[in-house]
Amino acid sequence: VTGVLVFTAMATALPGGGAALPCPRLMLLGAAGALAAGGASALNHYFEREVDAQMPRTAGRPLPSGMLIPPAAALVWGLGLCLAGVALAVLSLPIGSAVFITLGILIYVPLYTLFLKRRSVLNIVIGGAAGSCAVLAGWAAADVGWRLMPVALAATVFFWTPAHFWAFAILHDVEYRLAGFPMLPSVVGSQRAAPYVFLHAALTVAASLLALRGLPLGLVAIAGVVLLVVCVRLWRLPNHARARSVYMVSNYYLITAFSALLLVQ
């Protein structure tokens, strides 16, 4: 996830600034984003260490498995990384980037991890805004005027997140129920959740196409058709195999959409 966040931020910054974007600023954006995202991830592991121990998928993580003792080390490490990422952004990037990097941490840790994830079926919907902040931080790092592209790209990540993770939740619905996480498929069932996966995938494709033009637009449109086809198949017959297809194809779709930005100059 850290790698994806850094990639989307840097890929957004490049068409925003083009050849005028200083290479050191781009590298500093990547470093600040990696520190902040890594720190937020460490804090997520710390706060969810007990529930992680209840799920086979996460029981082998450093804290629930006992590899890292004491757990407070993860808390200190996570806070340190977050502070380092924000400090680096404040000292070396335009203020907009620092604001969005900070906002991404606040959405992901206190809002999503501590409050929404165990309480609301909308957890991943609202939590997806943290990923949008990475995109907006990348555009702000280019220090150019705001246009349709950054808004469309932020919306792409926002809508992509529920579609991607609801498919993942269908794959692991039993584990989520055992852990008490109200993921949509665990609450309403895979059959009723599948249309929402399709809806968010369709909004993802529509938003990403607004940000592109020319050949990149055609390439992403083709990838979008593939994504929507696997989502329709899941809708028609929700099962683990088709959920896995949506999960994997959605990964490749996001990579394709943001890679296409590198051709938009």
C-alpha atoms as a PDB file:
ATOM      1  CA  VAL A   1       0.000   0.000   0.000  1.00  0.00           C
ATOM      2  CA  THR A   2       2.863   2.383   0.773  1.00  0.00           C
ATOM      3  CA  GLY A   3       4.336   1.726  -2.650  1.00  0.00           C
ATOM      4  CA  VAL A   4       1.015   2.392  -4.364  1.00  0.00           C
ATOM      5  CA  LEU A   5       0.533   5.679  -2.498  1.00  0.00           C
ATOM      6  CA  VAL A   6       4.022   6.909  -3.375  1.00  0.00           C
ATOM      7  CA  PHE A   7       3.605   5.844  -7.000  1.00  0.00           C
ATOM      8  CA  THR A   8       0.270   7.626  -7.432  1.00  0.00           C
ATOM      9  CA  ALA A   9       1.632  10.803  -5.825  1.00  0.00           C
ATOM     10  CA  MET A  10       4.723  10.905  -8.041  1.00  0.00           C
ATOM     11  CA  ALA A  11       2.839   9.912 -11.186  1.00  0.00           C
ATOM     12  CA  THR A  12       0.389  12.772 -10.563  1.00  0.00           C
ATOM     13  CA  ALA A  13       3.161  15.293  -9.946  1.00  0.00           C
ATOM     14  CA  LEU A  14       4.897  14.579 -13.264  1.00  0.00           C
ATOM     15  CA  PRO A  15       2.135  15.667 -15.676  1.00  0.00           C
ATOM     16  CA  GLY A  16       1.382  18.561 -13.331  1.00  0.00           C
ATOM     17  CA  GLY A  17       4.894  19.987 -13.460  1.00  0.00           C
ATOM     18  CA  GLY A  18       6.298  18.324 -16.574  1.00  0.00           C
ATOM     19  CA  ALA A  19       9.888  19.108 -17.416  1.00  0.00           C
ATOM     20  CA  ALA A  20       9.768  22.125 -15.099  1.00  0.00           C
ATOM     21  CA  LEU A  21       9.346  19.921 -12.007  1.00  0.00           C
ATOM     22  CA  PRO A  22      12.716  19.774 -10.203  1.00  0.00           C
ATOM     23  CA  CYS A  23      13.932  16.203  -9.791  1.00  0.00           C
ATOM     24  CA  PRO A  24      14.984  16.776  -6.144  1.00  0.00           C
ATOM     25  CA  ARG A  25      11.442  17.913  -5.317  1.00  0.00           C
ATOM     26  CA  LEU A  26      10.039  14.764  -6.885  1.00  0.00           C
ATOM     27  CA  MET A  27      12.394  12.607  -4.820  1.00  0.00           C
ATOM     28  CA  LEU A  28      11.537  14.528  -1.654  1.00  0.00           C
ATOM     29  CA  LEU A  29       7.835  14.003  -2.390  1.00  0.00           C
ATOM     30  CA  GLY A  30       8.455  10.267  -2.624  1.00  0.00           C
ATOM     31  CA  ALA A  31      10.491  10.228   0.579  1.00  0.00           C
ATOM     32  CA  ALA A  32       7.982  12.277   2.589  1.00  0.00           C
ATOM     33  CA  GLY A  33       5.102  10.182   1.280  1.00  0.00           C
ATOM     34  CA  ALA A  34       6.872   6.905   2.097  1.00  0.00           C
ATOM     35  CA  LEU A  35       7.677   8.041   5.631  1.00  0.00           C
ATOM     36  CA  ALA A  36       4.111   9.211   6.289  1.00  0.00           C
ATOM     37  CA  ALA A  37       2.450   6.145   4.757  1.00  0.00           C
ATOM     38  CA  GLY A  38       4.861   3.772   6.488  1.00  0.00           C
ATOM     39  CA  GLY A  39       4.262   5.475   9.805  1.00  0.00           C
ATOM     40  CA  ALA A  40       0.492   5.315   9.378  1.00  0.00           C
ATOM     41  CA  SER A  41       0.783   1.626   8.537  1.00  0.00           C
ATOM     42  CA  ALA A  42       2.860   0.964  11.660  1.00  0.00           C
ATOM     43  CA  LEU A  43       0.270   2.751  13.795  1.00  0.00           C
ATOM     44  CA  ASN A  44      -2.463   0.665  12.169  1.00  0.00           C
ATOM     45  CA  HIS A  45      -0.552  -2.499  13.124  1.00  0.00           C
ATOM     46  CA  TYR A  46      -0.174  -1.244  16.685  1.00  0.00           C
ATOM     47  CA  PHE A  47      -3.824  -0.336  17.238  1.00  0.00           C
ATOM     48  CA  GLU A  48      -5.129  -3.512  15.585  1.00  0.00           C
ATOM     49  CA  ARG A  49      -2.618  -5.983  17.039  1.00  0.00           C
ATOM     50  CA  GLU A  50      -5.214  -7.800  19.141  1.00  0.00           C
ATOM     51  CA  VAL A  51      -7.791  -8.191  16.377  1.00  0.00           C
ATOM     52  CA  ASP A  52      -5.036  -9.134  13.903  1.00  0.00           C
ATOM     53  CA  ALA A  53      -4.285 -12.113  16.114  1.00  0.00           C
ATOM     54  CA  GLN A  54      -7.831 -13.390  15.511  1.00  0.00           C
ATOM     55  CA  MET A  55      -7.487 -13.615  11.717  1.00  0.00           C
ATOM     56  CA  PRO A  56      -5.229 -16.224  10.053  1.00  0.00           C
ATOM     57  CA  ARG A  57      -4.416 -13.725   7.299  1.00  0.00           C
ATOM     58  CA  THR A  58      -2.867 -11.236   9.744  1.00  0.00           C
ATOM     59  CA  ALA A  59      -1.812 -13.445  12.665  1.00  0.00           C
ATOM     60  CA  GLY A  60       1.731 -13.655  11.322  1.00  0.00           C
ATOM     61  CA  ARG A  61       2.329  -9.902  11.469  1.00  0.00           C
ATOM     62  CA  PRO A  62       5.162  -8.792  13.780  1.00  0.00           C
ATOM     63  CA  LEU A  63       2.975  -7.703  16.699  1.00  0.00           C
ATOM     64  CA  PRO A  64       0.355 -10.483  16.976  1.00  0.00           C
ATOM     65  CA  SER A  65       3.006 -13.138  16.302  1.00  0.00           C
ATOM     66  CA  GLY A  66       5.260 -11.799  19.077  1.00  0.00           C
ATOM     67  CA  MET A  67       8.203 -11.067  16.763  1.00  0.00           C
ATOM     68  CA  LEU A  68       8.264  -7.451  17.924  1.00  0.00           C
ATOM     69  CA  ILE A  69       8.339  -6.928  21.696  1.00  0.00           C
ATOM     70  CA  PRO A  70       7.239  -4.679  23.320  1.00  0.00           C
ATOM     71  CA  PRO A  71       4.323  -3.551  21.108  1.00  0.00           C
ATOM     72  CA  ALA A  72       4.970   0.041  22.206  1.00  0.00           C
ATOM     73  CA  ALA A  73       8.021  -0.020  19.934  1.00  0.00           C
ATOM     74  CA  ALA A  74       5.663  -0.021  16.958  1.00  0.00           C
ATOM     75  CA  LEU A  75       3.792   2.954  18.411  1.00  0.00           C
ATOM     76  CA  VAL A  76       7.004   4.953  18.824  1.00  0.00           C
ATOM     77  CA  TRP A  77       8.246   3.908  15.385  1.00  0.00           C
ATOM     78  CA  GLY A  78       4.956   4.802  13.707  1.00  0.00           C
ATOM     79  CA  LEU A  79       4.722   8.206  15.351  1.00  0.00           C
ATOM     80  CA  GLY A  80       8.346   8.902  14.508  1.00  0.00           C
ATOM     81  CA  LEU A  81       7.896   8.056  10.847  1.00  0.00           C
ATOM     82  CA  CYS A  82       4.747  10.164  10.586  1.00  0.00           C
ATOM     83  CA  LEU A  83       6.433  13.151  12.207  1.00  0.00           C
ATOM     84  CA  ALA A  84       9.484  12.731   9.990  1.00  0.00           C
ATOM     85  CA  GLY A  85       7.323  12.594   6.863  1.00  0.00           C
ATOM     86  CA  VAL A  86       5.356  15.712   7.794  1.00  0.00           C
ATOM     87  CA  ALA A  87       8.517  17.590   8.825  1.00  0.00           C
ATOM     88  CA  LEU A  88      10.237  16.731   5.540  1.00  0.00           C
ATOM     89  CA  ALA A  89       7.177  17.872   3.599  1.00  0.00           C
ATOM     90  CA  VAL A  90       6.930  21.154   5.529  1.00  0.00           C
ATOM     91  CA  LEU A  91      10.618  21.925   5.063  1.00  0.00           C
ATOM     92  CA  SER A  92      11.056  20.899   1.424  1.00  0.00           C
ATOM     93  CA  LEU A  93       7.722  20.888  -0.418  1.00  0.00           C
ATOM     94  CA  PRO A  94       5.005  23.442  -1.197  1.00  0.00           C
ATOM     95  CA  ILE A  95       2.648  23.911   1.725  1.00  0.00           C
ATOM     96  CA  GLY A  96      -0.191  22.202  -0.150  1.00  0.00           C
ATOM     97  CA  SER A  97       1.751  18.944  -0.258  1.00  0.00           C
ATOM     98  CA  ALA A  98       2.481  19.101   3.461  1.00  0.00           C
ATOM     99  CA  VAL A  99      -1.209  19.754   4.200  1.00  0.00           C
ATOM    100  CA  PHE A 100      -2.405  16.800   2.139  1.00  0.00           C
ATOM    101  CA  ILE A 101       0.236  14.434   3.527  1.00  0.00           C
ATOM    102  CA  THR A 102      -0.813  15.408   7.056  1.00  0.00           C
ATOM    103  CA  LEU A 103      -4.493  15.070   6.179  1.00  0.00           C
ATOM    104  CA  GLY A 104      -3.860  11.589   4.772  1.00  0.00           C
ATOM    105  CA  ILE A 105      -2.369  10.474   8.100  1.00  0.00           C
ATOM    106  CA  LEU A 106      -5.268  11.947  10.065  1.00  0.00           C
ATOM    107  CA  ILE A 107      -7.872  10.270   7.879  1.00  0.00           C
ATOM    108  CA  TYR A 108      -6.173   6.883   7.921  1.00  0.00           C
ATOM    109  CA  VAL A 109      -5.192   6.578  11.590  1.00  0.00           C
ATOM    110  CA  PRO A 110      -7.656   8.346  13.921  1.00  0.00           C
ATOM    111  CA  LEU A 111     -10.658   8.511  11.569  1.00  0.00           C
ATOM    112  CA  TYR A 112     -10.440   5.176   9.719  1.00  0.00           C
ATOM    113  CA  THR A 113      -8.410   2.870  11.983  1.00  0.00           C
ATOM    114  CA  LEU A 114      -9.554   4.034  15.399  1.00  0.00           C
ATOM    115  CA  PHE A 115     -13.131   5.133  14.719  1.00  0.00           C
ATOM    116  CA  LEU A 116     -14.738   3.923  11.491  1.00  0.00           C
ATOM    117  CA  LYS A 117     -13.210   0.519  10.813  1.00  0.00           C
ATOM    118  CA  ARG A 118     -14.929  -1.279  13.696  1.00  0.00           C
ATOM    119  CA  ARG A 119     -18.096   0.823  13.749  1.00  0.00           C
ATOM    120  CA  SER A 120     -19.382   1.608  10.266  1.00  0.00           C
ATOM    121  CA  VAL A 121     -20.050  -0.249   7.045  1.00  0.00           C
ATOM    122  CA  LEU A 122     -18.837   2.938   5.341  1.00  0.00           C
ATOM    123  CA  ASN A 123     -15.375   2.471   6.856  1.00  0.00           C
ATOM    124  CA  ILE A 124     -13.498   1.831   3.626  1.00  0.00           C
ATOM    125  CA  VAL A 125     -15.556   4.388   1.692  1.00  0.00           C
ATOM    126  CA  ILE A 126     -14.554   7.290   3.928  1.00  0.00           C
ATOM    127  CA  GLY A 127     -11.129   5.813   4.619  1.00  0.00           C
ATOM    128  CA  GLY A 128     -10.447   5.825   0.884  1.00  0.00           C
ATOM    129  CA  ALA A 129     -10.040   9.589   1.104  1.00  0.00           C
ATOM    130  CA  ALA A 130      -6.617   8.953   2.632  1.00  0.00           C
ATOM    131  CA  GLY A 131      -5.450   7.575  -0.712  1.00  0.00           C
ATOM    132  CA  SER A 132      -6.898  10.595  -2.494  1.00  0.00           C
ATOM    133  CA  CYS A 133      -4.721  12.814  -0.313  1.00  0.00           C
ATOM    134  CA  ALA A 134      -1.601  11.190  -1.797  1.00  0.00           C
ATOM    135  CA  VAL A 135      -2.748  12.178  -5.292  1.00  0.00           C
ATOM    136  CA  LEU A 136      -3.497  15.740  -4.212  1.00  0.00           C
ATOM    137  CA  ALA A 137      -0.140  15.977  -2.426  1.00  0.00           C
ATOM    138  CA  GLY A 138       1.558  14.987  -5.682  1.00  0.00           C
ATOM    139  CA  TRP A 139      -0.247  17.627  -7.686  1.00  0.00           C
ATOM    140  CA  ALA A 140       0.448  20.280  -5.056  1.00  0.00           C
ATOM    141  CA  ALA A 141       4.150  19.377  -5.190  1.00  0.00           C
ATOM    142  CA  ALA A 142       4.178  20.429  -8.847  1.00  0.00           C
ATOM    143  CA  ASP A 143       3.170  23.902  -7.603  1.00  0.00           C
ATOM    144  CA  VAL A 144       0.823  24.611 -10.523  1.00  0.00           C
ATOM    145  CA  GLY A 145      -2.741  25.810 -10.794  1.00  0.00           C
ATOM    146  CA  TRP A 146      -5.604  23.476  -9.951  1.00  0.00           C
ATOM    147  CA  ARG A 147      -7.472  21.982 -12.887  1.00  0.00           C
ATOM    148  CA  LEU A 148      -9.733  19.015 -13.575  1.00  0.00           C
ATOM    149  CA  MET A 149      -6.940  16.430 -13.665  1.00  0.00           C
ATOM    150  CA  PRO A 150      -6.028  16.300  -9.940  1.00  0.00           C
ATOM    151  CA  VAL A 151      -9.696  16.270  -8.896  1.00  0.00           C
ATOM    152  CA  ALA A 152     -10.453  13.424 -11.326  1.00  0.00           C
ATOM    153  CA  LEU A 153      -7.421  11.445 -10.180  1.00  0.00           C
ATOM    154  CA  ALA A 154      -8.297  11.922  -6.515  1.00  0.00           C
ATOM    155  CA  ALA A 155     -11.820  10.719  -7.314  1.00  0.00           C
ATOM    156  CA  THR A 156     -10.321   7.715  -9.129  1.00  0.00           C
ATOM    157  CA  VAL A 157      -8.534   6.561  -5.984  1.00  0.00           C
ATOM    158  CA  PHE A 158     -11.523   7.409  -3.797  1.00  0.00           C
ATOM    159  CA  PHE A 159     -13.933   5.235  -5.806  1.00  0.00           C
ATOM    160  CA  TRP A 160     -11.350   2.528  -6.512  1.00  0.00           C
ATOM    161  CA  THR A 161     -10.686   1.841  -2.825  1.00  0.00           C
ATOM    162  CA  PRO A 162     -14.132   0.419  -1.894  1.00  0.00           C
ATOM    163  CA  ALA A 163     -14.393  -1.648  -5.093  1.00  0.00           C
ATOM    164  CA  HIS A 164     -10.944  -3.128  -4.508  1.00  0.00           C
ATOM    165  CA  PHE A 165     -11.312  -3.854  -0.800  1.00  0.00           C
ATOM    166  CA  TRP A 166     -14.903  -5.072  -0.941  1.00  0.00           C
ATOM    167  CA  ALA A 167     -13.757  -7.699  -3.435  1.00  0.00           C
ATOM    168  CA  PHE A 168     -11.004  -8.553  -0.970  1.00  0.00           C
ATOM    169  CA  ALA A 169     -13.583  -8.707   1.827  1.00  0.00           C
ATOM    170  CA  ILE A 170     -15.661 -11.207  -0.158  1.00  0.00           C
ATOM    171  CA  LEU A 171     -12.547 -13.378  -0.310  1.00  0.00           C
ATOM    172  CA  HIS A 172     -12.047 -13.102   3.452  1.00  0.00           C
ATOM    173  CA  ASP A 173     -15.623 -12.662   4.651  1.00  0.00           C
ATOM    174  CA  VAL A 174     -15.342 -15.321   7.379  1.00  0.00           C
ATOM    175  CA  GLU A 175     -12.237 -13.704   8.863  1.00  0.00           C
ATOM    176  CA  TYR A 176     -13.819 -10.262   8.890  1.00  0.00           C
ATOM    177  CA  ARG A 177     -16.874 -11.652  10.680  1.00  0.00           C
ATOM    178  CA  LEU A 178     -14.696 -13.350  13.287  1.00  0.00           C
ATOM    179  CA  ALA A 179     -12.777 -10.131  13.883  1.00  0.00           C
ATOM    180  CA  GLY A 180     -15.950  -8.064  14.101  1.00  0.00           C
ATOM    181  CA  PHE A 181     -15.123  -5.689  11.228  1.00  0.00           C
ATOM    182  CA  PRO A 182     -18.353  -4.477   9.558  1.00  0.00           C
ATOM    183  CA  MET A 183     -17.080  -4.746   5.990  1.00  0.00           C
ATOM    184  CA  LEU A 184     -19.995  -4.469   3.551  1.00  0.00           C
ATOM    185  CA  PRO A 185     -19.885  -8.102   2.284  1.00  0.00           C
ATOM    186  CA  SER A 186     -19.732  -9.371   5.864  1.00  0.00           C
ATOM    187  CA  VAL A 187     -22.761  -7.299   6.860  1.00  0.00           C
ATOM    188  CA  VAL A 188     -25.111  -7.619   3.859  1.00  0.00           C
ATOM    189  CA  GLY A 189     -23.639 -10.695   2.155  1.00  0.00           C
ATOM    190  CA  SER A 190     -21.681 -11.103  -1.065  1.00  0.00           C
ATOM    191  CA  GLN A 191     -24.777 -11.097  -3.298  1.00  0.00           C
ATOM    192  CA  ARG A 192     -25.938  -7.678  -2.123  1.00  0.00           C
ATOM    193  CA  ALA A 193     -22.411  -6.249  -1.950  1.00  0.00           C
ATOM    194  CA  ALA A 194     -21.484  -7.179  -5.542  1.00  0.00           C
ATOM    195  CA  PRO A 195     -23.593  -4.396  -7.187  1.00  0.00           C
ATOM    196  CA  TYR A 196     -21.795  -1.829  -5.041  1.00  0.00           C
ATOM    197  CA  VAL A 197     -18.458  -3.226  -6.197  1.00  0.00           C
ATOM    198  CA  PHE A 198     -19.586  -2.733  -9.798  1.00  0.00           C
ATOM    199  CA  LEU A 199     -20.905   0.791  -9.098  1.00  0.00           C
ATOM    200  CA  HIS A 200     -17.657   1.940  -7.543  1.00  0.00           C
ATOM    201  CA  ALA A 201     -15.620   0.309 -10.298  1.00  0.00           C
ATOM    202  CA  ALA A 202     -17.718   2.154 -12.900  1.00  0.00           C
ATOM    203  CA  LEU A 203     -17.176   5.456 -11.081  1.00  0.00           C
ATOM    204  CA  THR A 204     -13.449   4.658 -10.909  1.00  0.00           C
ATOM    205  CA  VAL A 205     -13.263   4.177 -14.669  1.00  0.00           C
ATOM    206  CA  ALA A 206     -15.309   7.309 -15.379  1.00  0.00           C
ATOM    207  CA  ALA A 207     -13.169   9.469 -13.092  1.00  0.00           C
ATOM    208  CA  SER A 208      -9.876   8.202 -14.514  1.00  0.00           C
ATOM    209  CA  LEU A 209     -11.007   8.819 -18.108  1.00  0.00           C
ATOM    210  CA  LEU A 210     -11.721  12.466 -17.243  1.00  0.00           C
ATOM    211  CA  ALA A 211      -8.036  12.912 -16.390  1.00  0.00           C
ATOM    212  CA  LEU A 212      -6.631  11.577 -19.660  1.00  0.00           C
ATOM    213  CA  ARG A 213      -6.594  12.292 -23.379  1.00  0.00           C
ATOM    214  CA  GLY A 214      -5.205  10.807 -26.568  1.00  0.00           C
ATOM    215  CA  LEU A 215      -3.582   7.383 -26.612  1.00  0.00           C
ATOM    216  CA  PRO A 216      -3.489   7.050 -22.778  1.00  0.00           C
ATOM    217  CA  LEU A 217      -7.261   7.568 -22.744  1.00  0.00           C
ATOM    218  CA  GLY A 218      -7.734   4.659 -25.156  1.00  0.00           C
ATOM    219  CA  LEU A 219      -5.441   2.349 -23.184  1.00  0.00           C
ATOM    220  CA  VAL A 220      -7.190   3.057 -19.906  1.00  0.00           C
ATOM    221  CA  ALA A 221     -10.608   2.701 -21.544  1.00  0.00           C
ATOM    222  CA  ILE A 222      -9.684  -0.820 -22.648  1.00  0.00           C
ATOM    223  CA  ALA A 223      -8.461  -1.642 -19.137  1.00  0.00           C
ATOM    224  CA  GLY A 224     -11.694  -0.185 -17.783  1.00  0.00           C
ATOM    225  CA  VAL A 225     -13.787  -2.522 -19.932  1.00  0.00           C
ATOM    226  CA  VAL A 226     -11.860  -5.490 -18.526  1.00  0.00           C
ATOM    227  CA  LEU A 227     -12.431  -4.282 -14.976  1.00  0.00           C
ATOM    228  CA  LEU A 228     -16.157  -3.791 -15.526  1.00  0.00           C
ATOM    229  CA  VAL A 229     -16.518  -7.214 -17.149  1.00  0.00           C
ATOM    230  CA  VAL A 230     -15.014  -9.014 -14.141  1.00  0.00           C
ATOM    231  CA  CYS A 231     -17.219  -6.913 -11.843  1.00  0.00           C
ATOM    232  CA  VAL A 232     -20.317  -7.919 -13.812  1.00  0.00           C
ATOM    233  CA  ARG A 233     -19.278 -11.571 -13.540  1.00  0.00           C
ATOM    234  CA  LEU A 234     -18.959 -11.151  -9.779  1.00  0.00           C
ATOM    235  CA  TRP A 235     -22.387  -9.508  -9.665  1.00  0.00           C
ATOM    236  CA  ARG A 236     -23.960 -12.398 -11.569  1.00  0.00           C
ATOM    237  CA  LEU A 237     -22.371 -15.082  -9.401  1.00  0.00           C
ATOM    238  CA  PRO A 238     -20.482 -13.897  -6.301  1.00  0.00           C
ATOM    239  CA  ASN A 239     -17.849 -16.421  -5.297  1.00  0.00           C
ATOM    240  CA  HIS A 240     -14.245 -16.404  -4.139  1.00  0.00           C
ATOM    241  CA  ALA A 241     -12.755 -17.057  -7.574  1.00  0.00           C
ATOM    242  CA  ARG A 242     -14.562 -14.114  -9.160  1.00  0.00           C
ATOM    243  CA  ALA A 243     -13.851 -11.869  -6.178  1.00  0.00           C
ATOM    244  CA  ARG A 244     -10.169 -12.710  -6.556  1.00  0.00           C
ATOM    245  CA  SER A 245     -10.364 -11.723 -10.228  1.00  0.00           C
ATOM    246  CA  VAL A 246     -11.864  -8.337  -9.349  1.00  0.00           C
ATOM    247  CA  TYR A 247      -9.262  -7.821  -6.643  1.00  0.00           C
ATOM    248  CA  MET A 248      -6.361  -8.579  -9.011  1.00  0.00           C
ATOM    249  CA  VAL A 249      -7.733  -6.752 -12.060  1.00  0.00           C
ATOM    250  CA  SER A 250      -8.484  -3.652  -9.978  1.00  0.00           C
ATOM    251  CA  ASN A 251      -4.836  -3.617  -8.883  1.00  0.00           C
ATOM    252  CA  TYR A 252      -3.668  -3.670 -12.486  1.00  0.00           C
ATOM    253  CA  TYR A 253      -6.246  -1.089 -13.469  1.00  0.00           C
ATOM    254  CA  LEU A 254      -4.976   1.466 -10.972  1.00  0.00           C
ATOM    255  CA  ILE A 255      -1.376   0.863 -12.061  1.00  0.00           C
ATOM    256  CA  THR A 256      -2.396   1.248 -15.708  1.00  0.00           C
ATOM    257  CA  ALA A 257      -4.341   4.452 -15.109  1.00  0.00           C
ATOM    258  CA  PHE A 258      -1.526   6.198 -13.261  1.00  0.00           C
ATOM    259  CA  SER A 259       1.186   4.835 -15.557  1.00  0.00           C
ATOM    260  CA  ALA A 260      -0.757   6.358 -18.446  1.00  0.00           C
ATOM    261  CA  LEU A 261      -0.246   9.758 -16.814  1.00  0.00           C
ATOM    262  CA  LEU A 262       3.433   9.513 -17.687  1.00  0.00           C
ATOM    263  CA  LEU A 263       2.409   9.737 -21.364  1.00  0.00           C
ATOM    264  CA  VAL A 264       0.367  12.902 -20.791  1.00  0.00           C
ATOM    265  CA  GLN A 265       2.652  15.844 -21.278  1.00  0.00           C
END
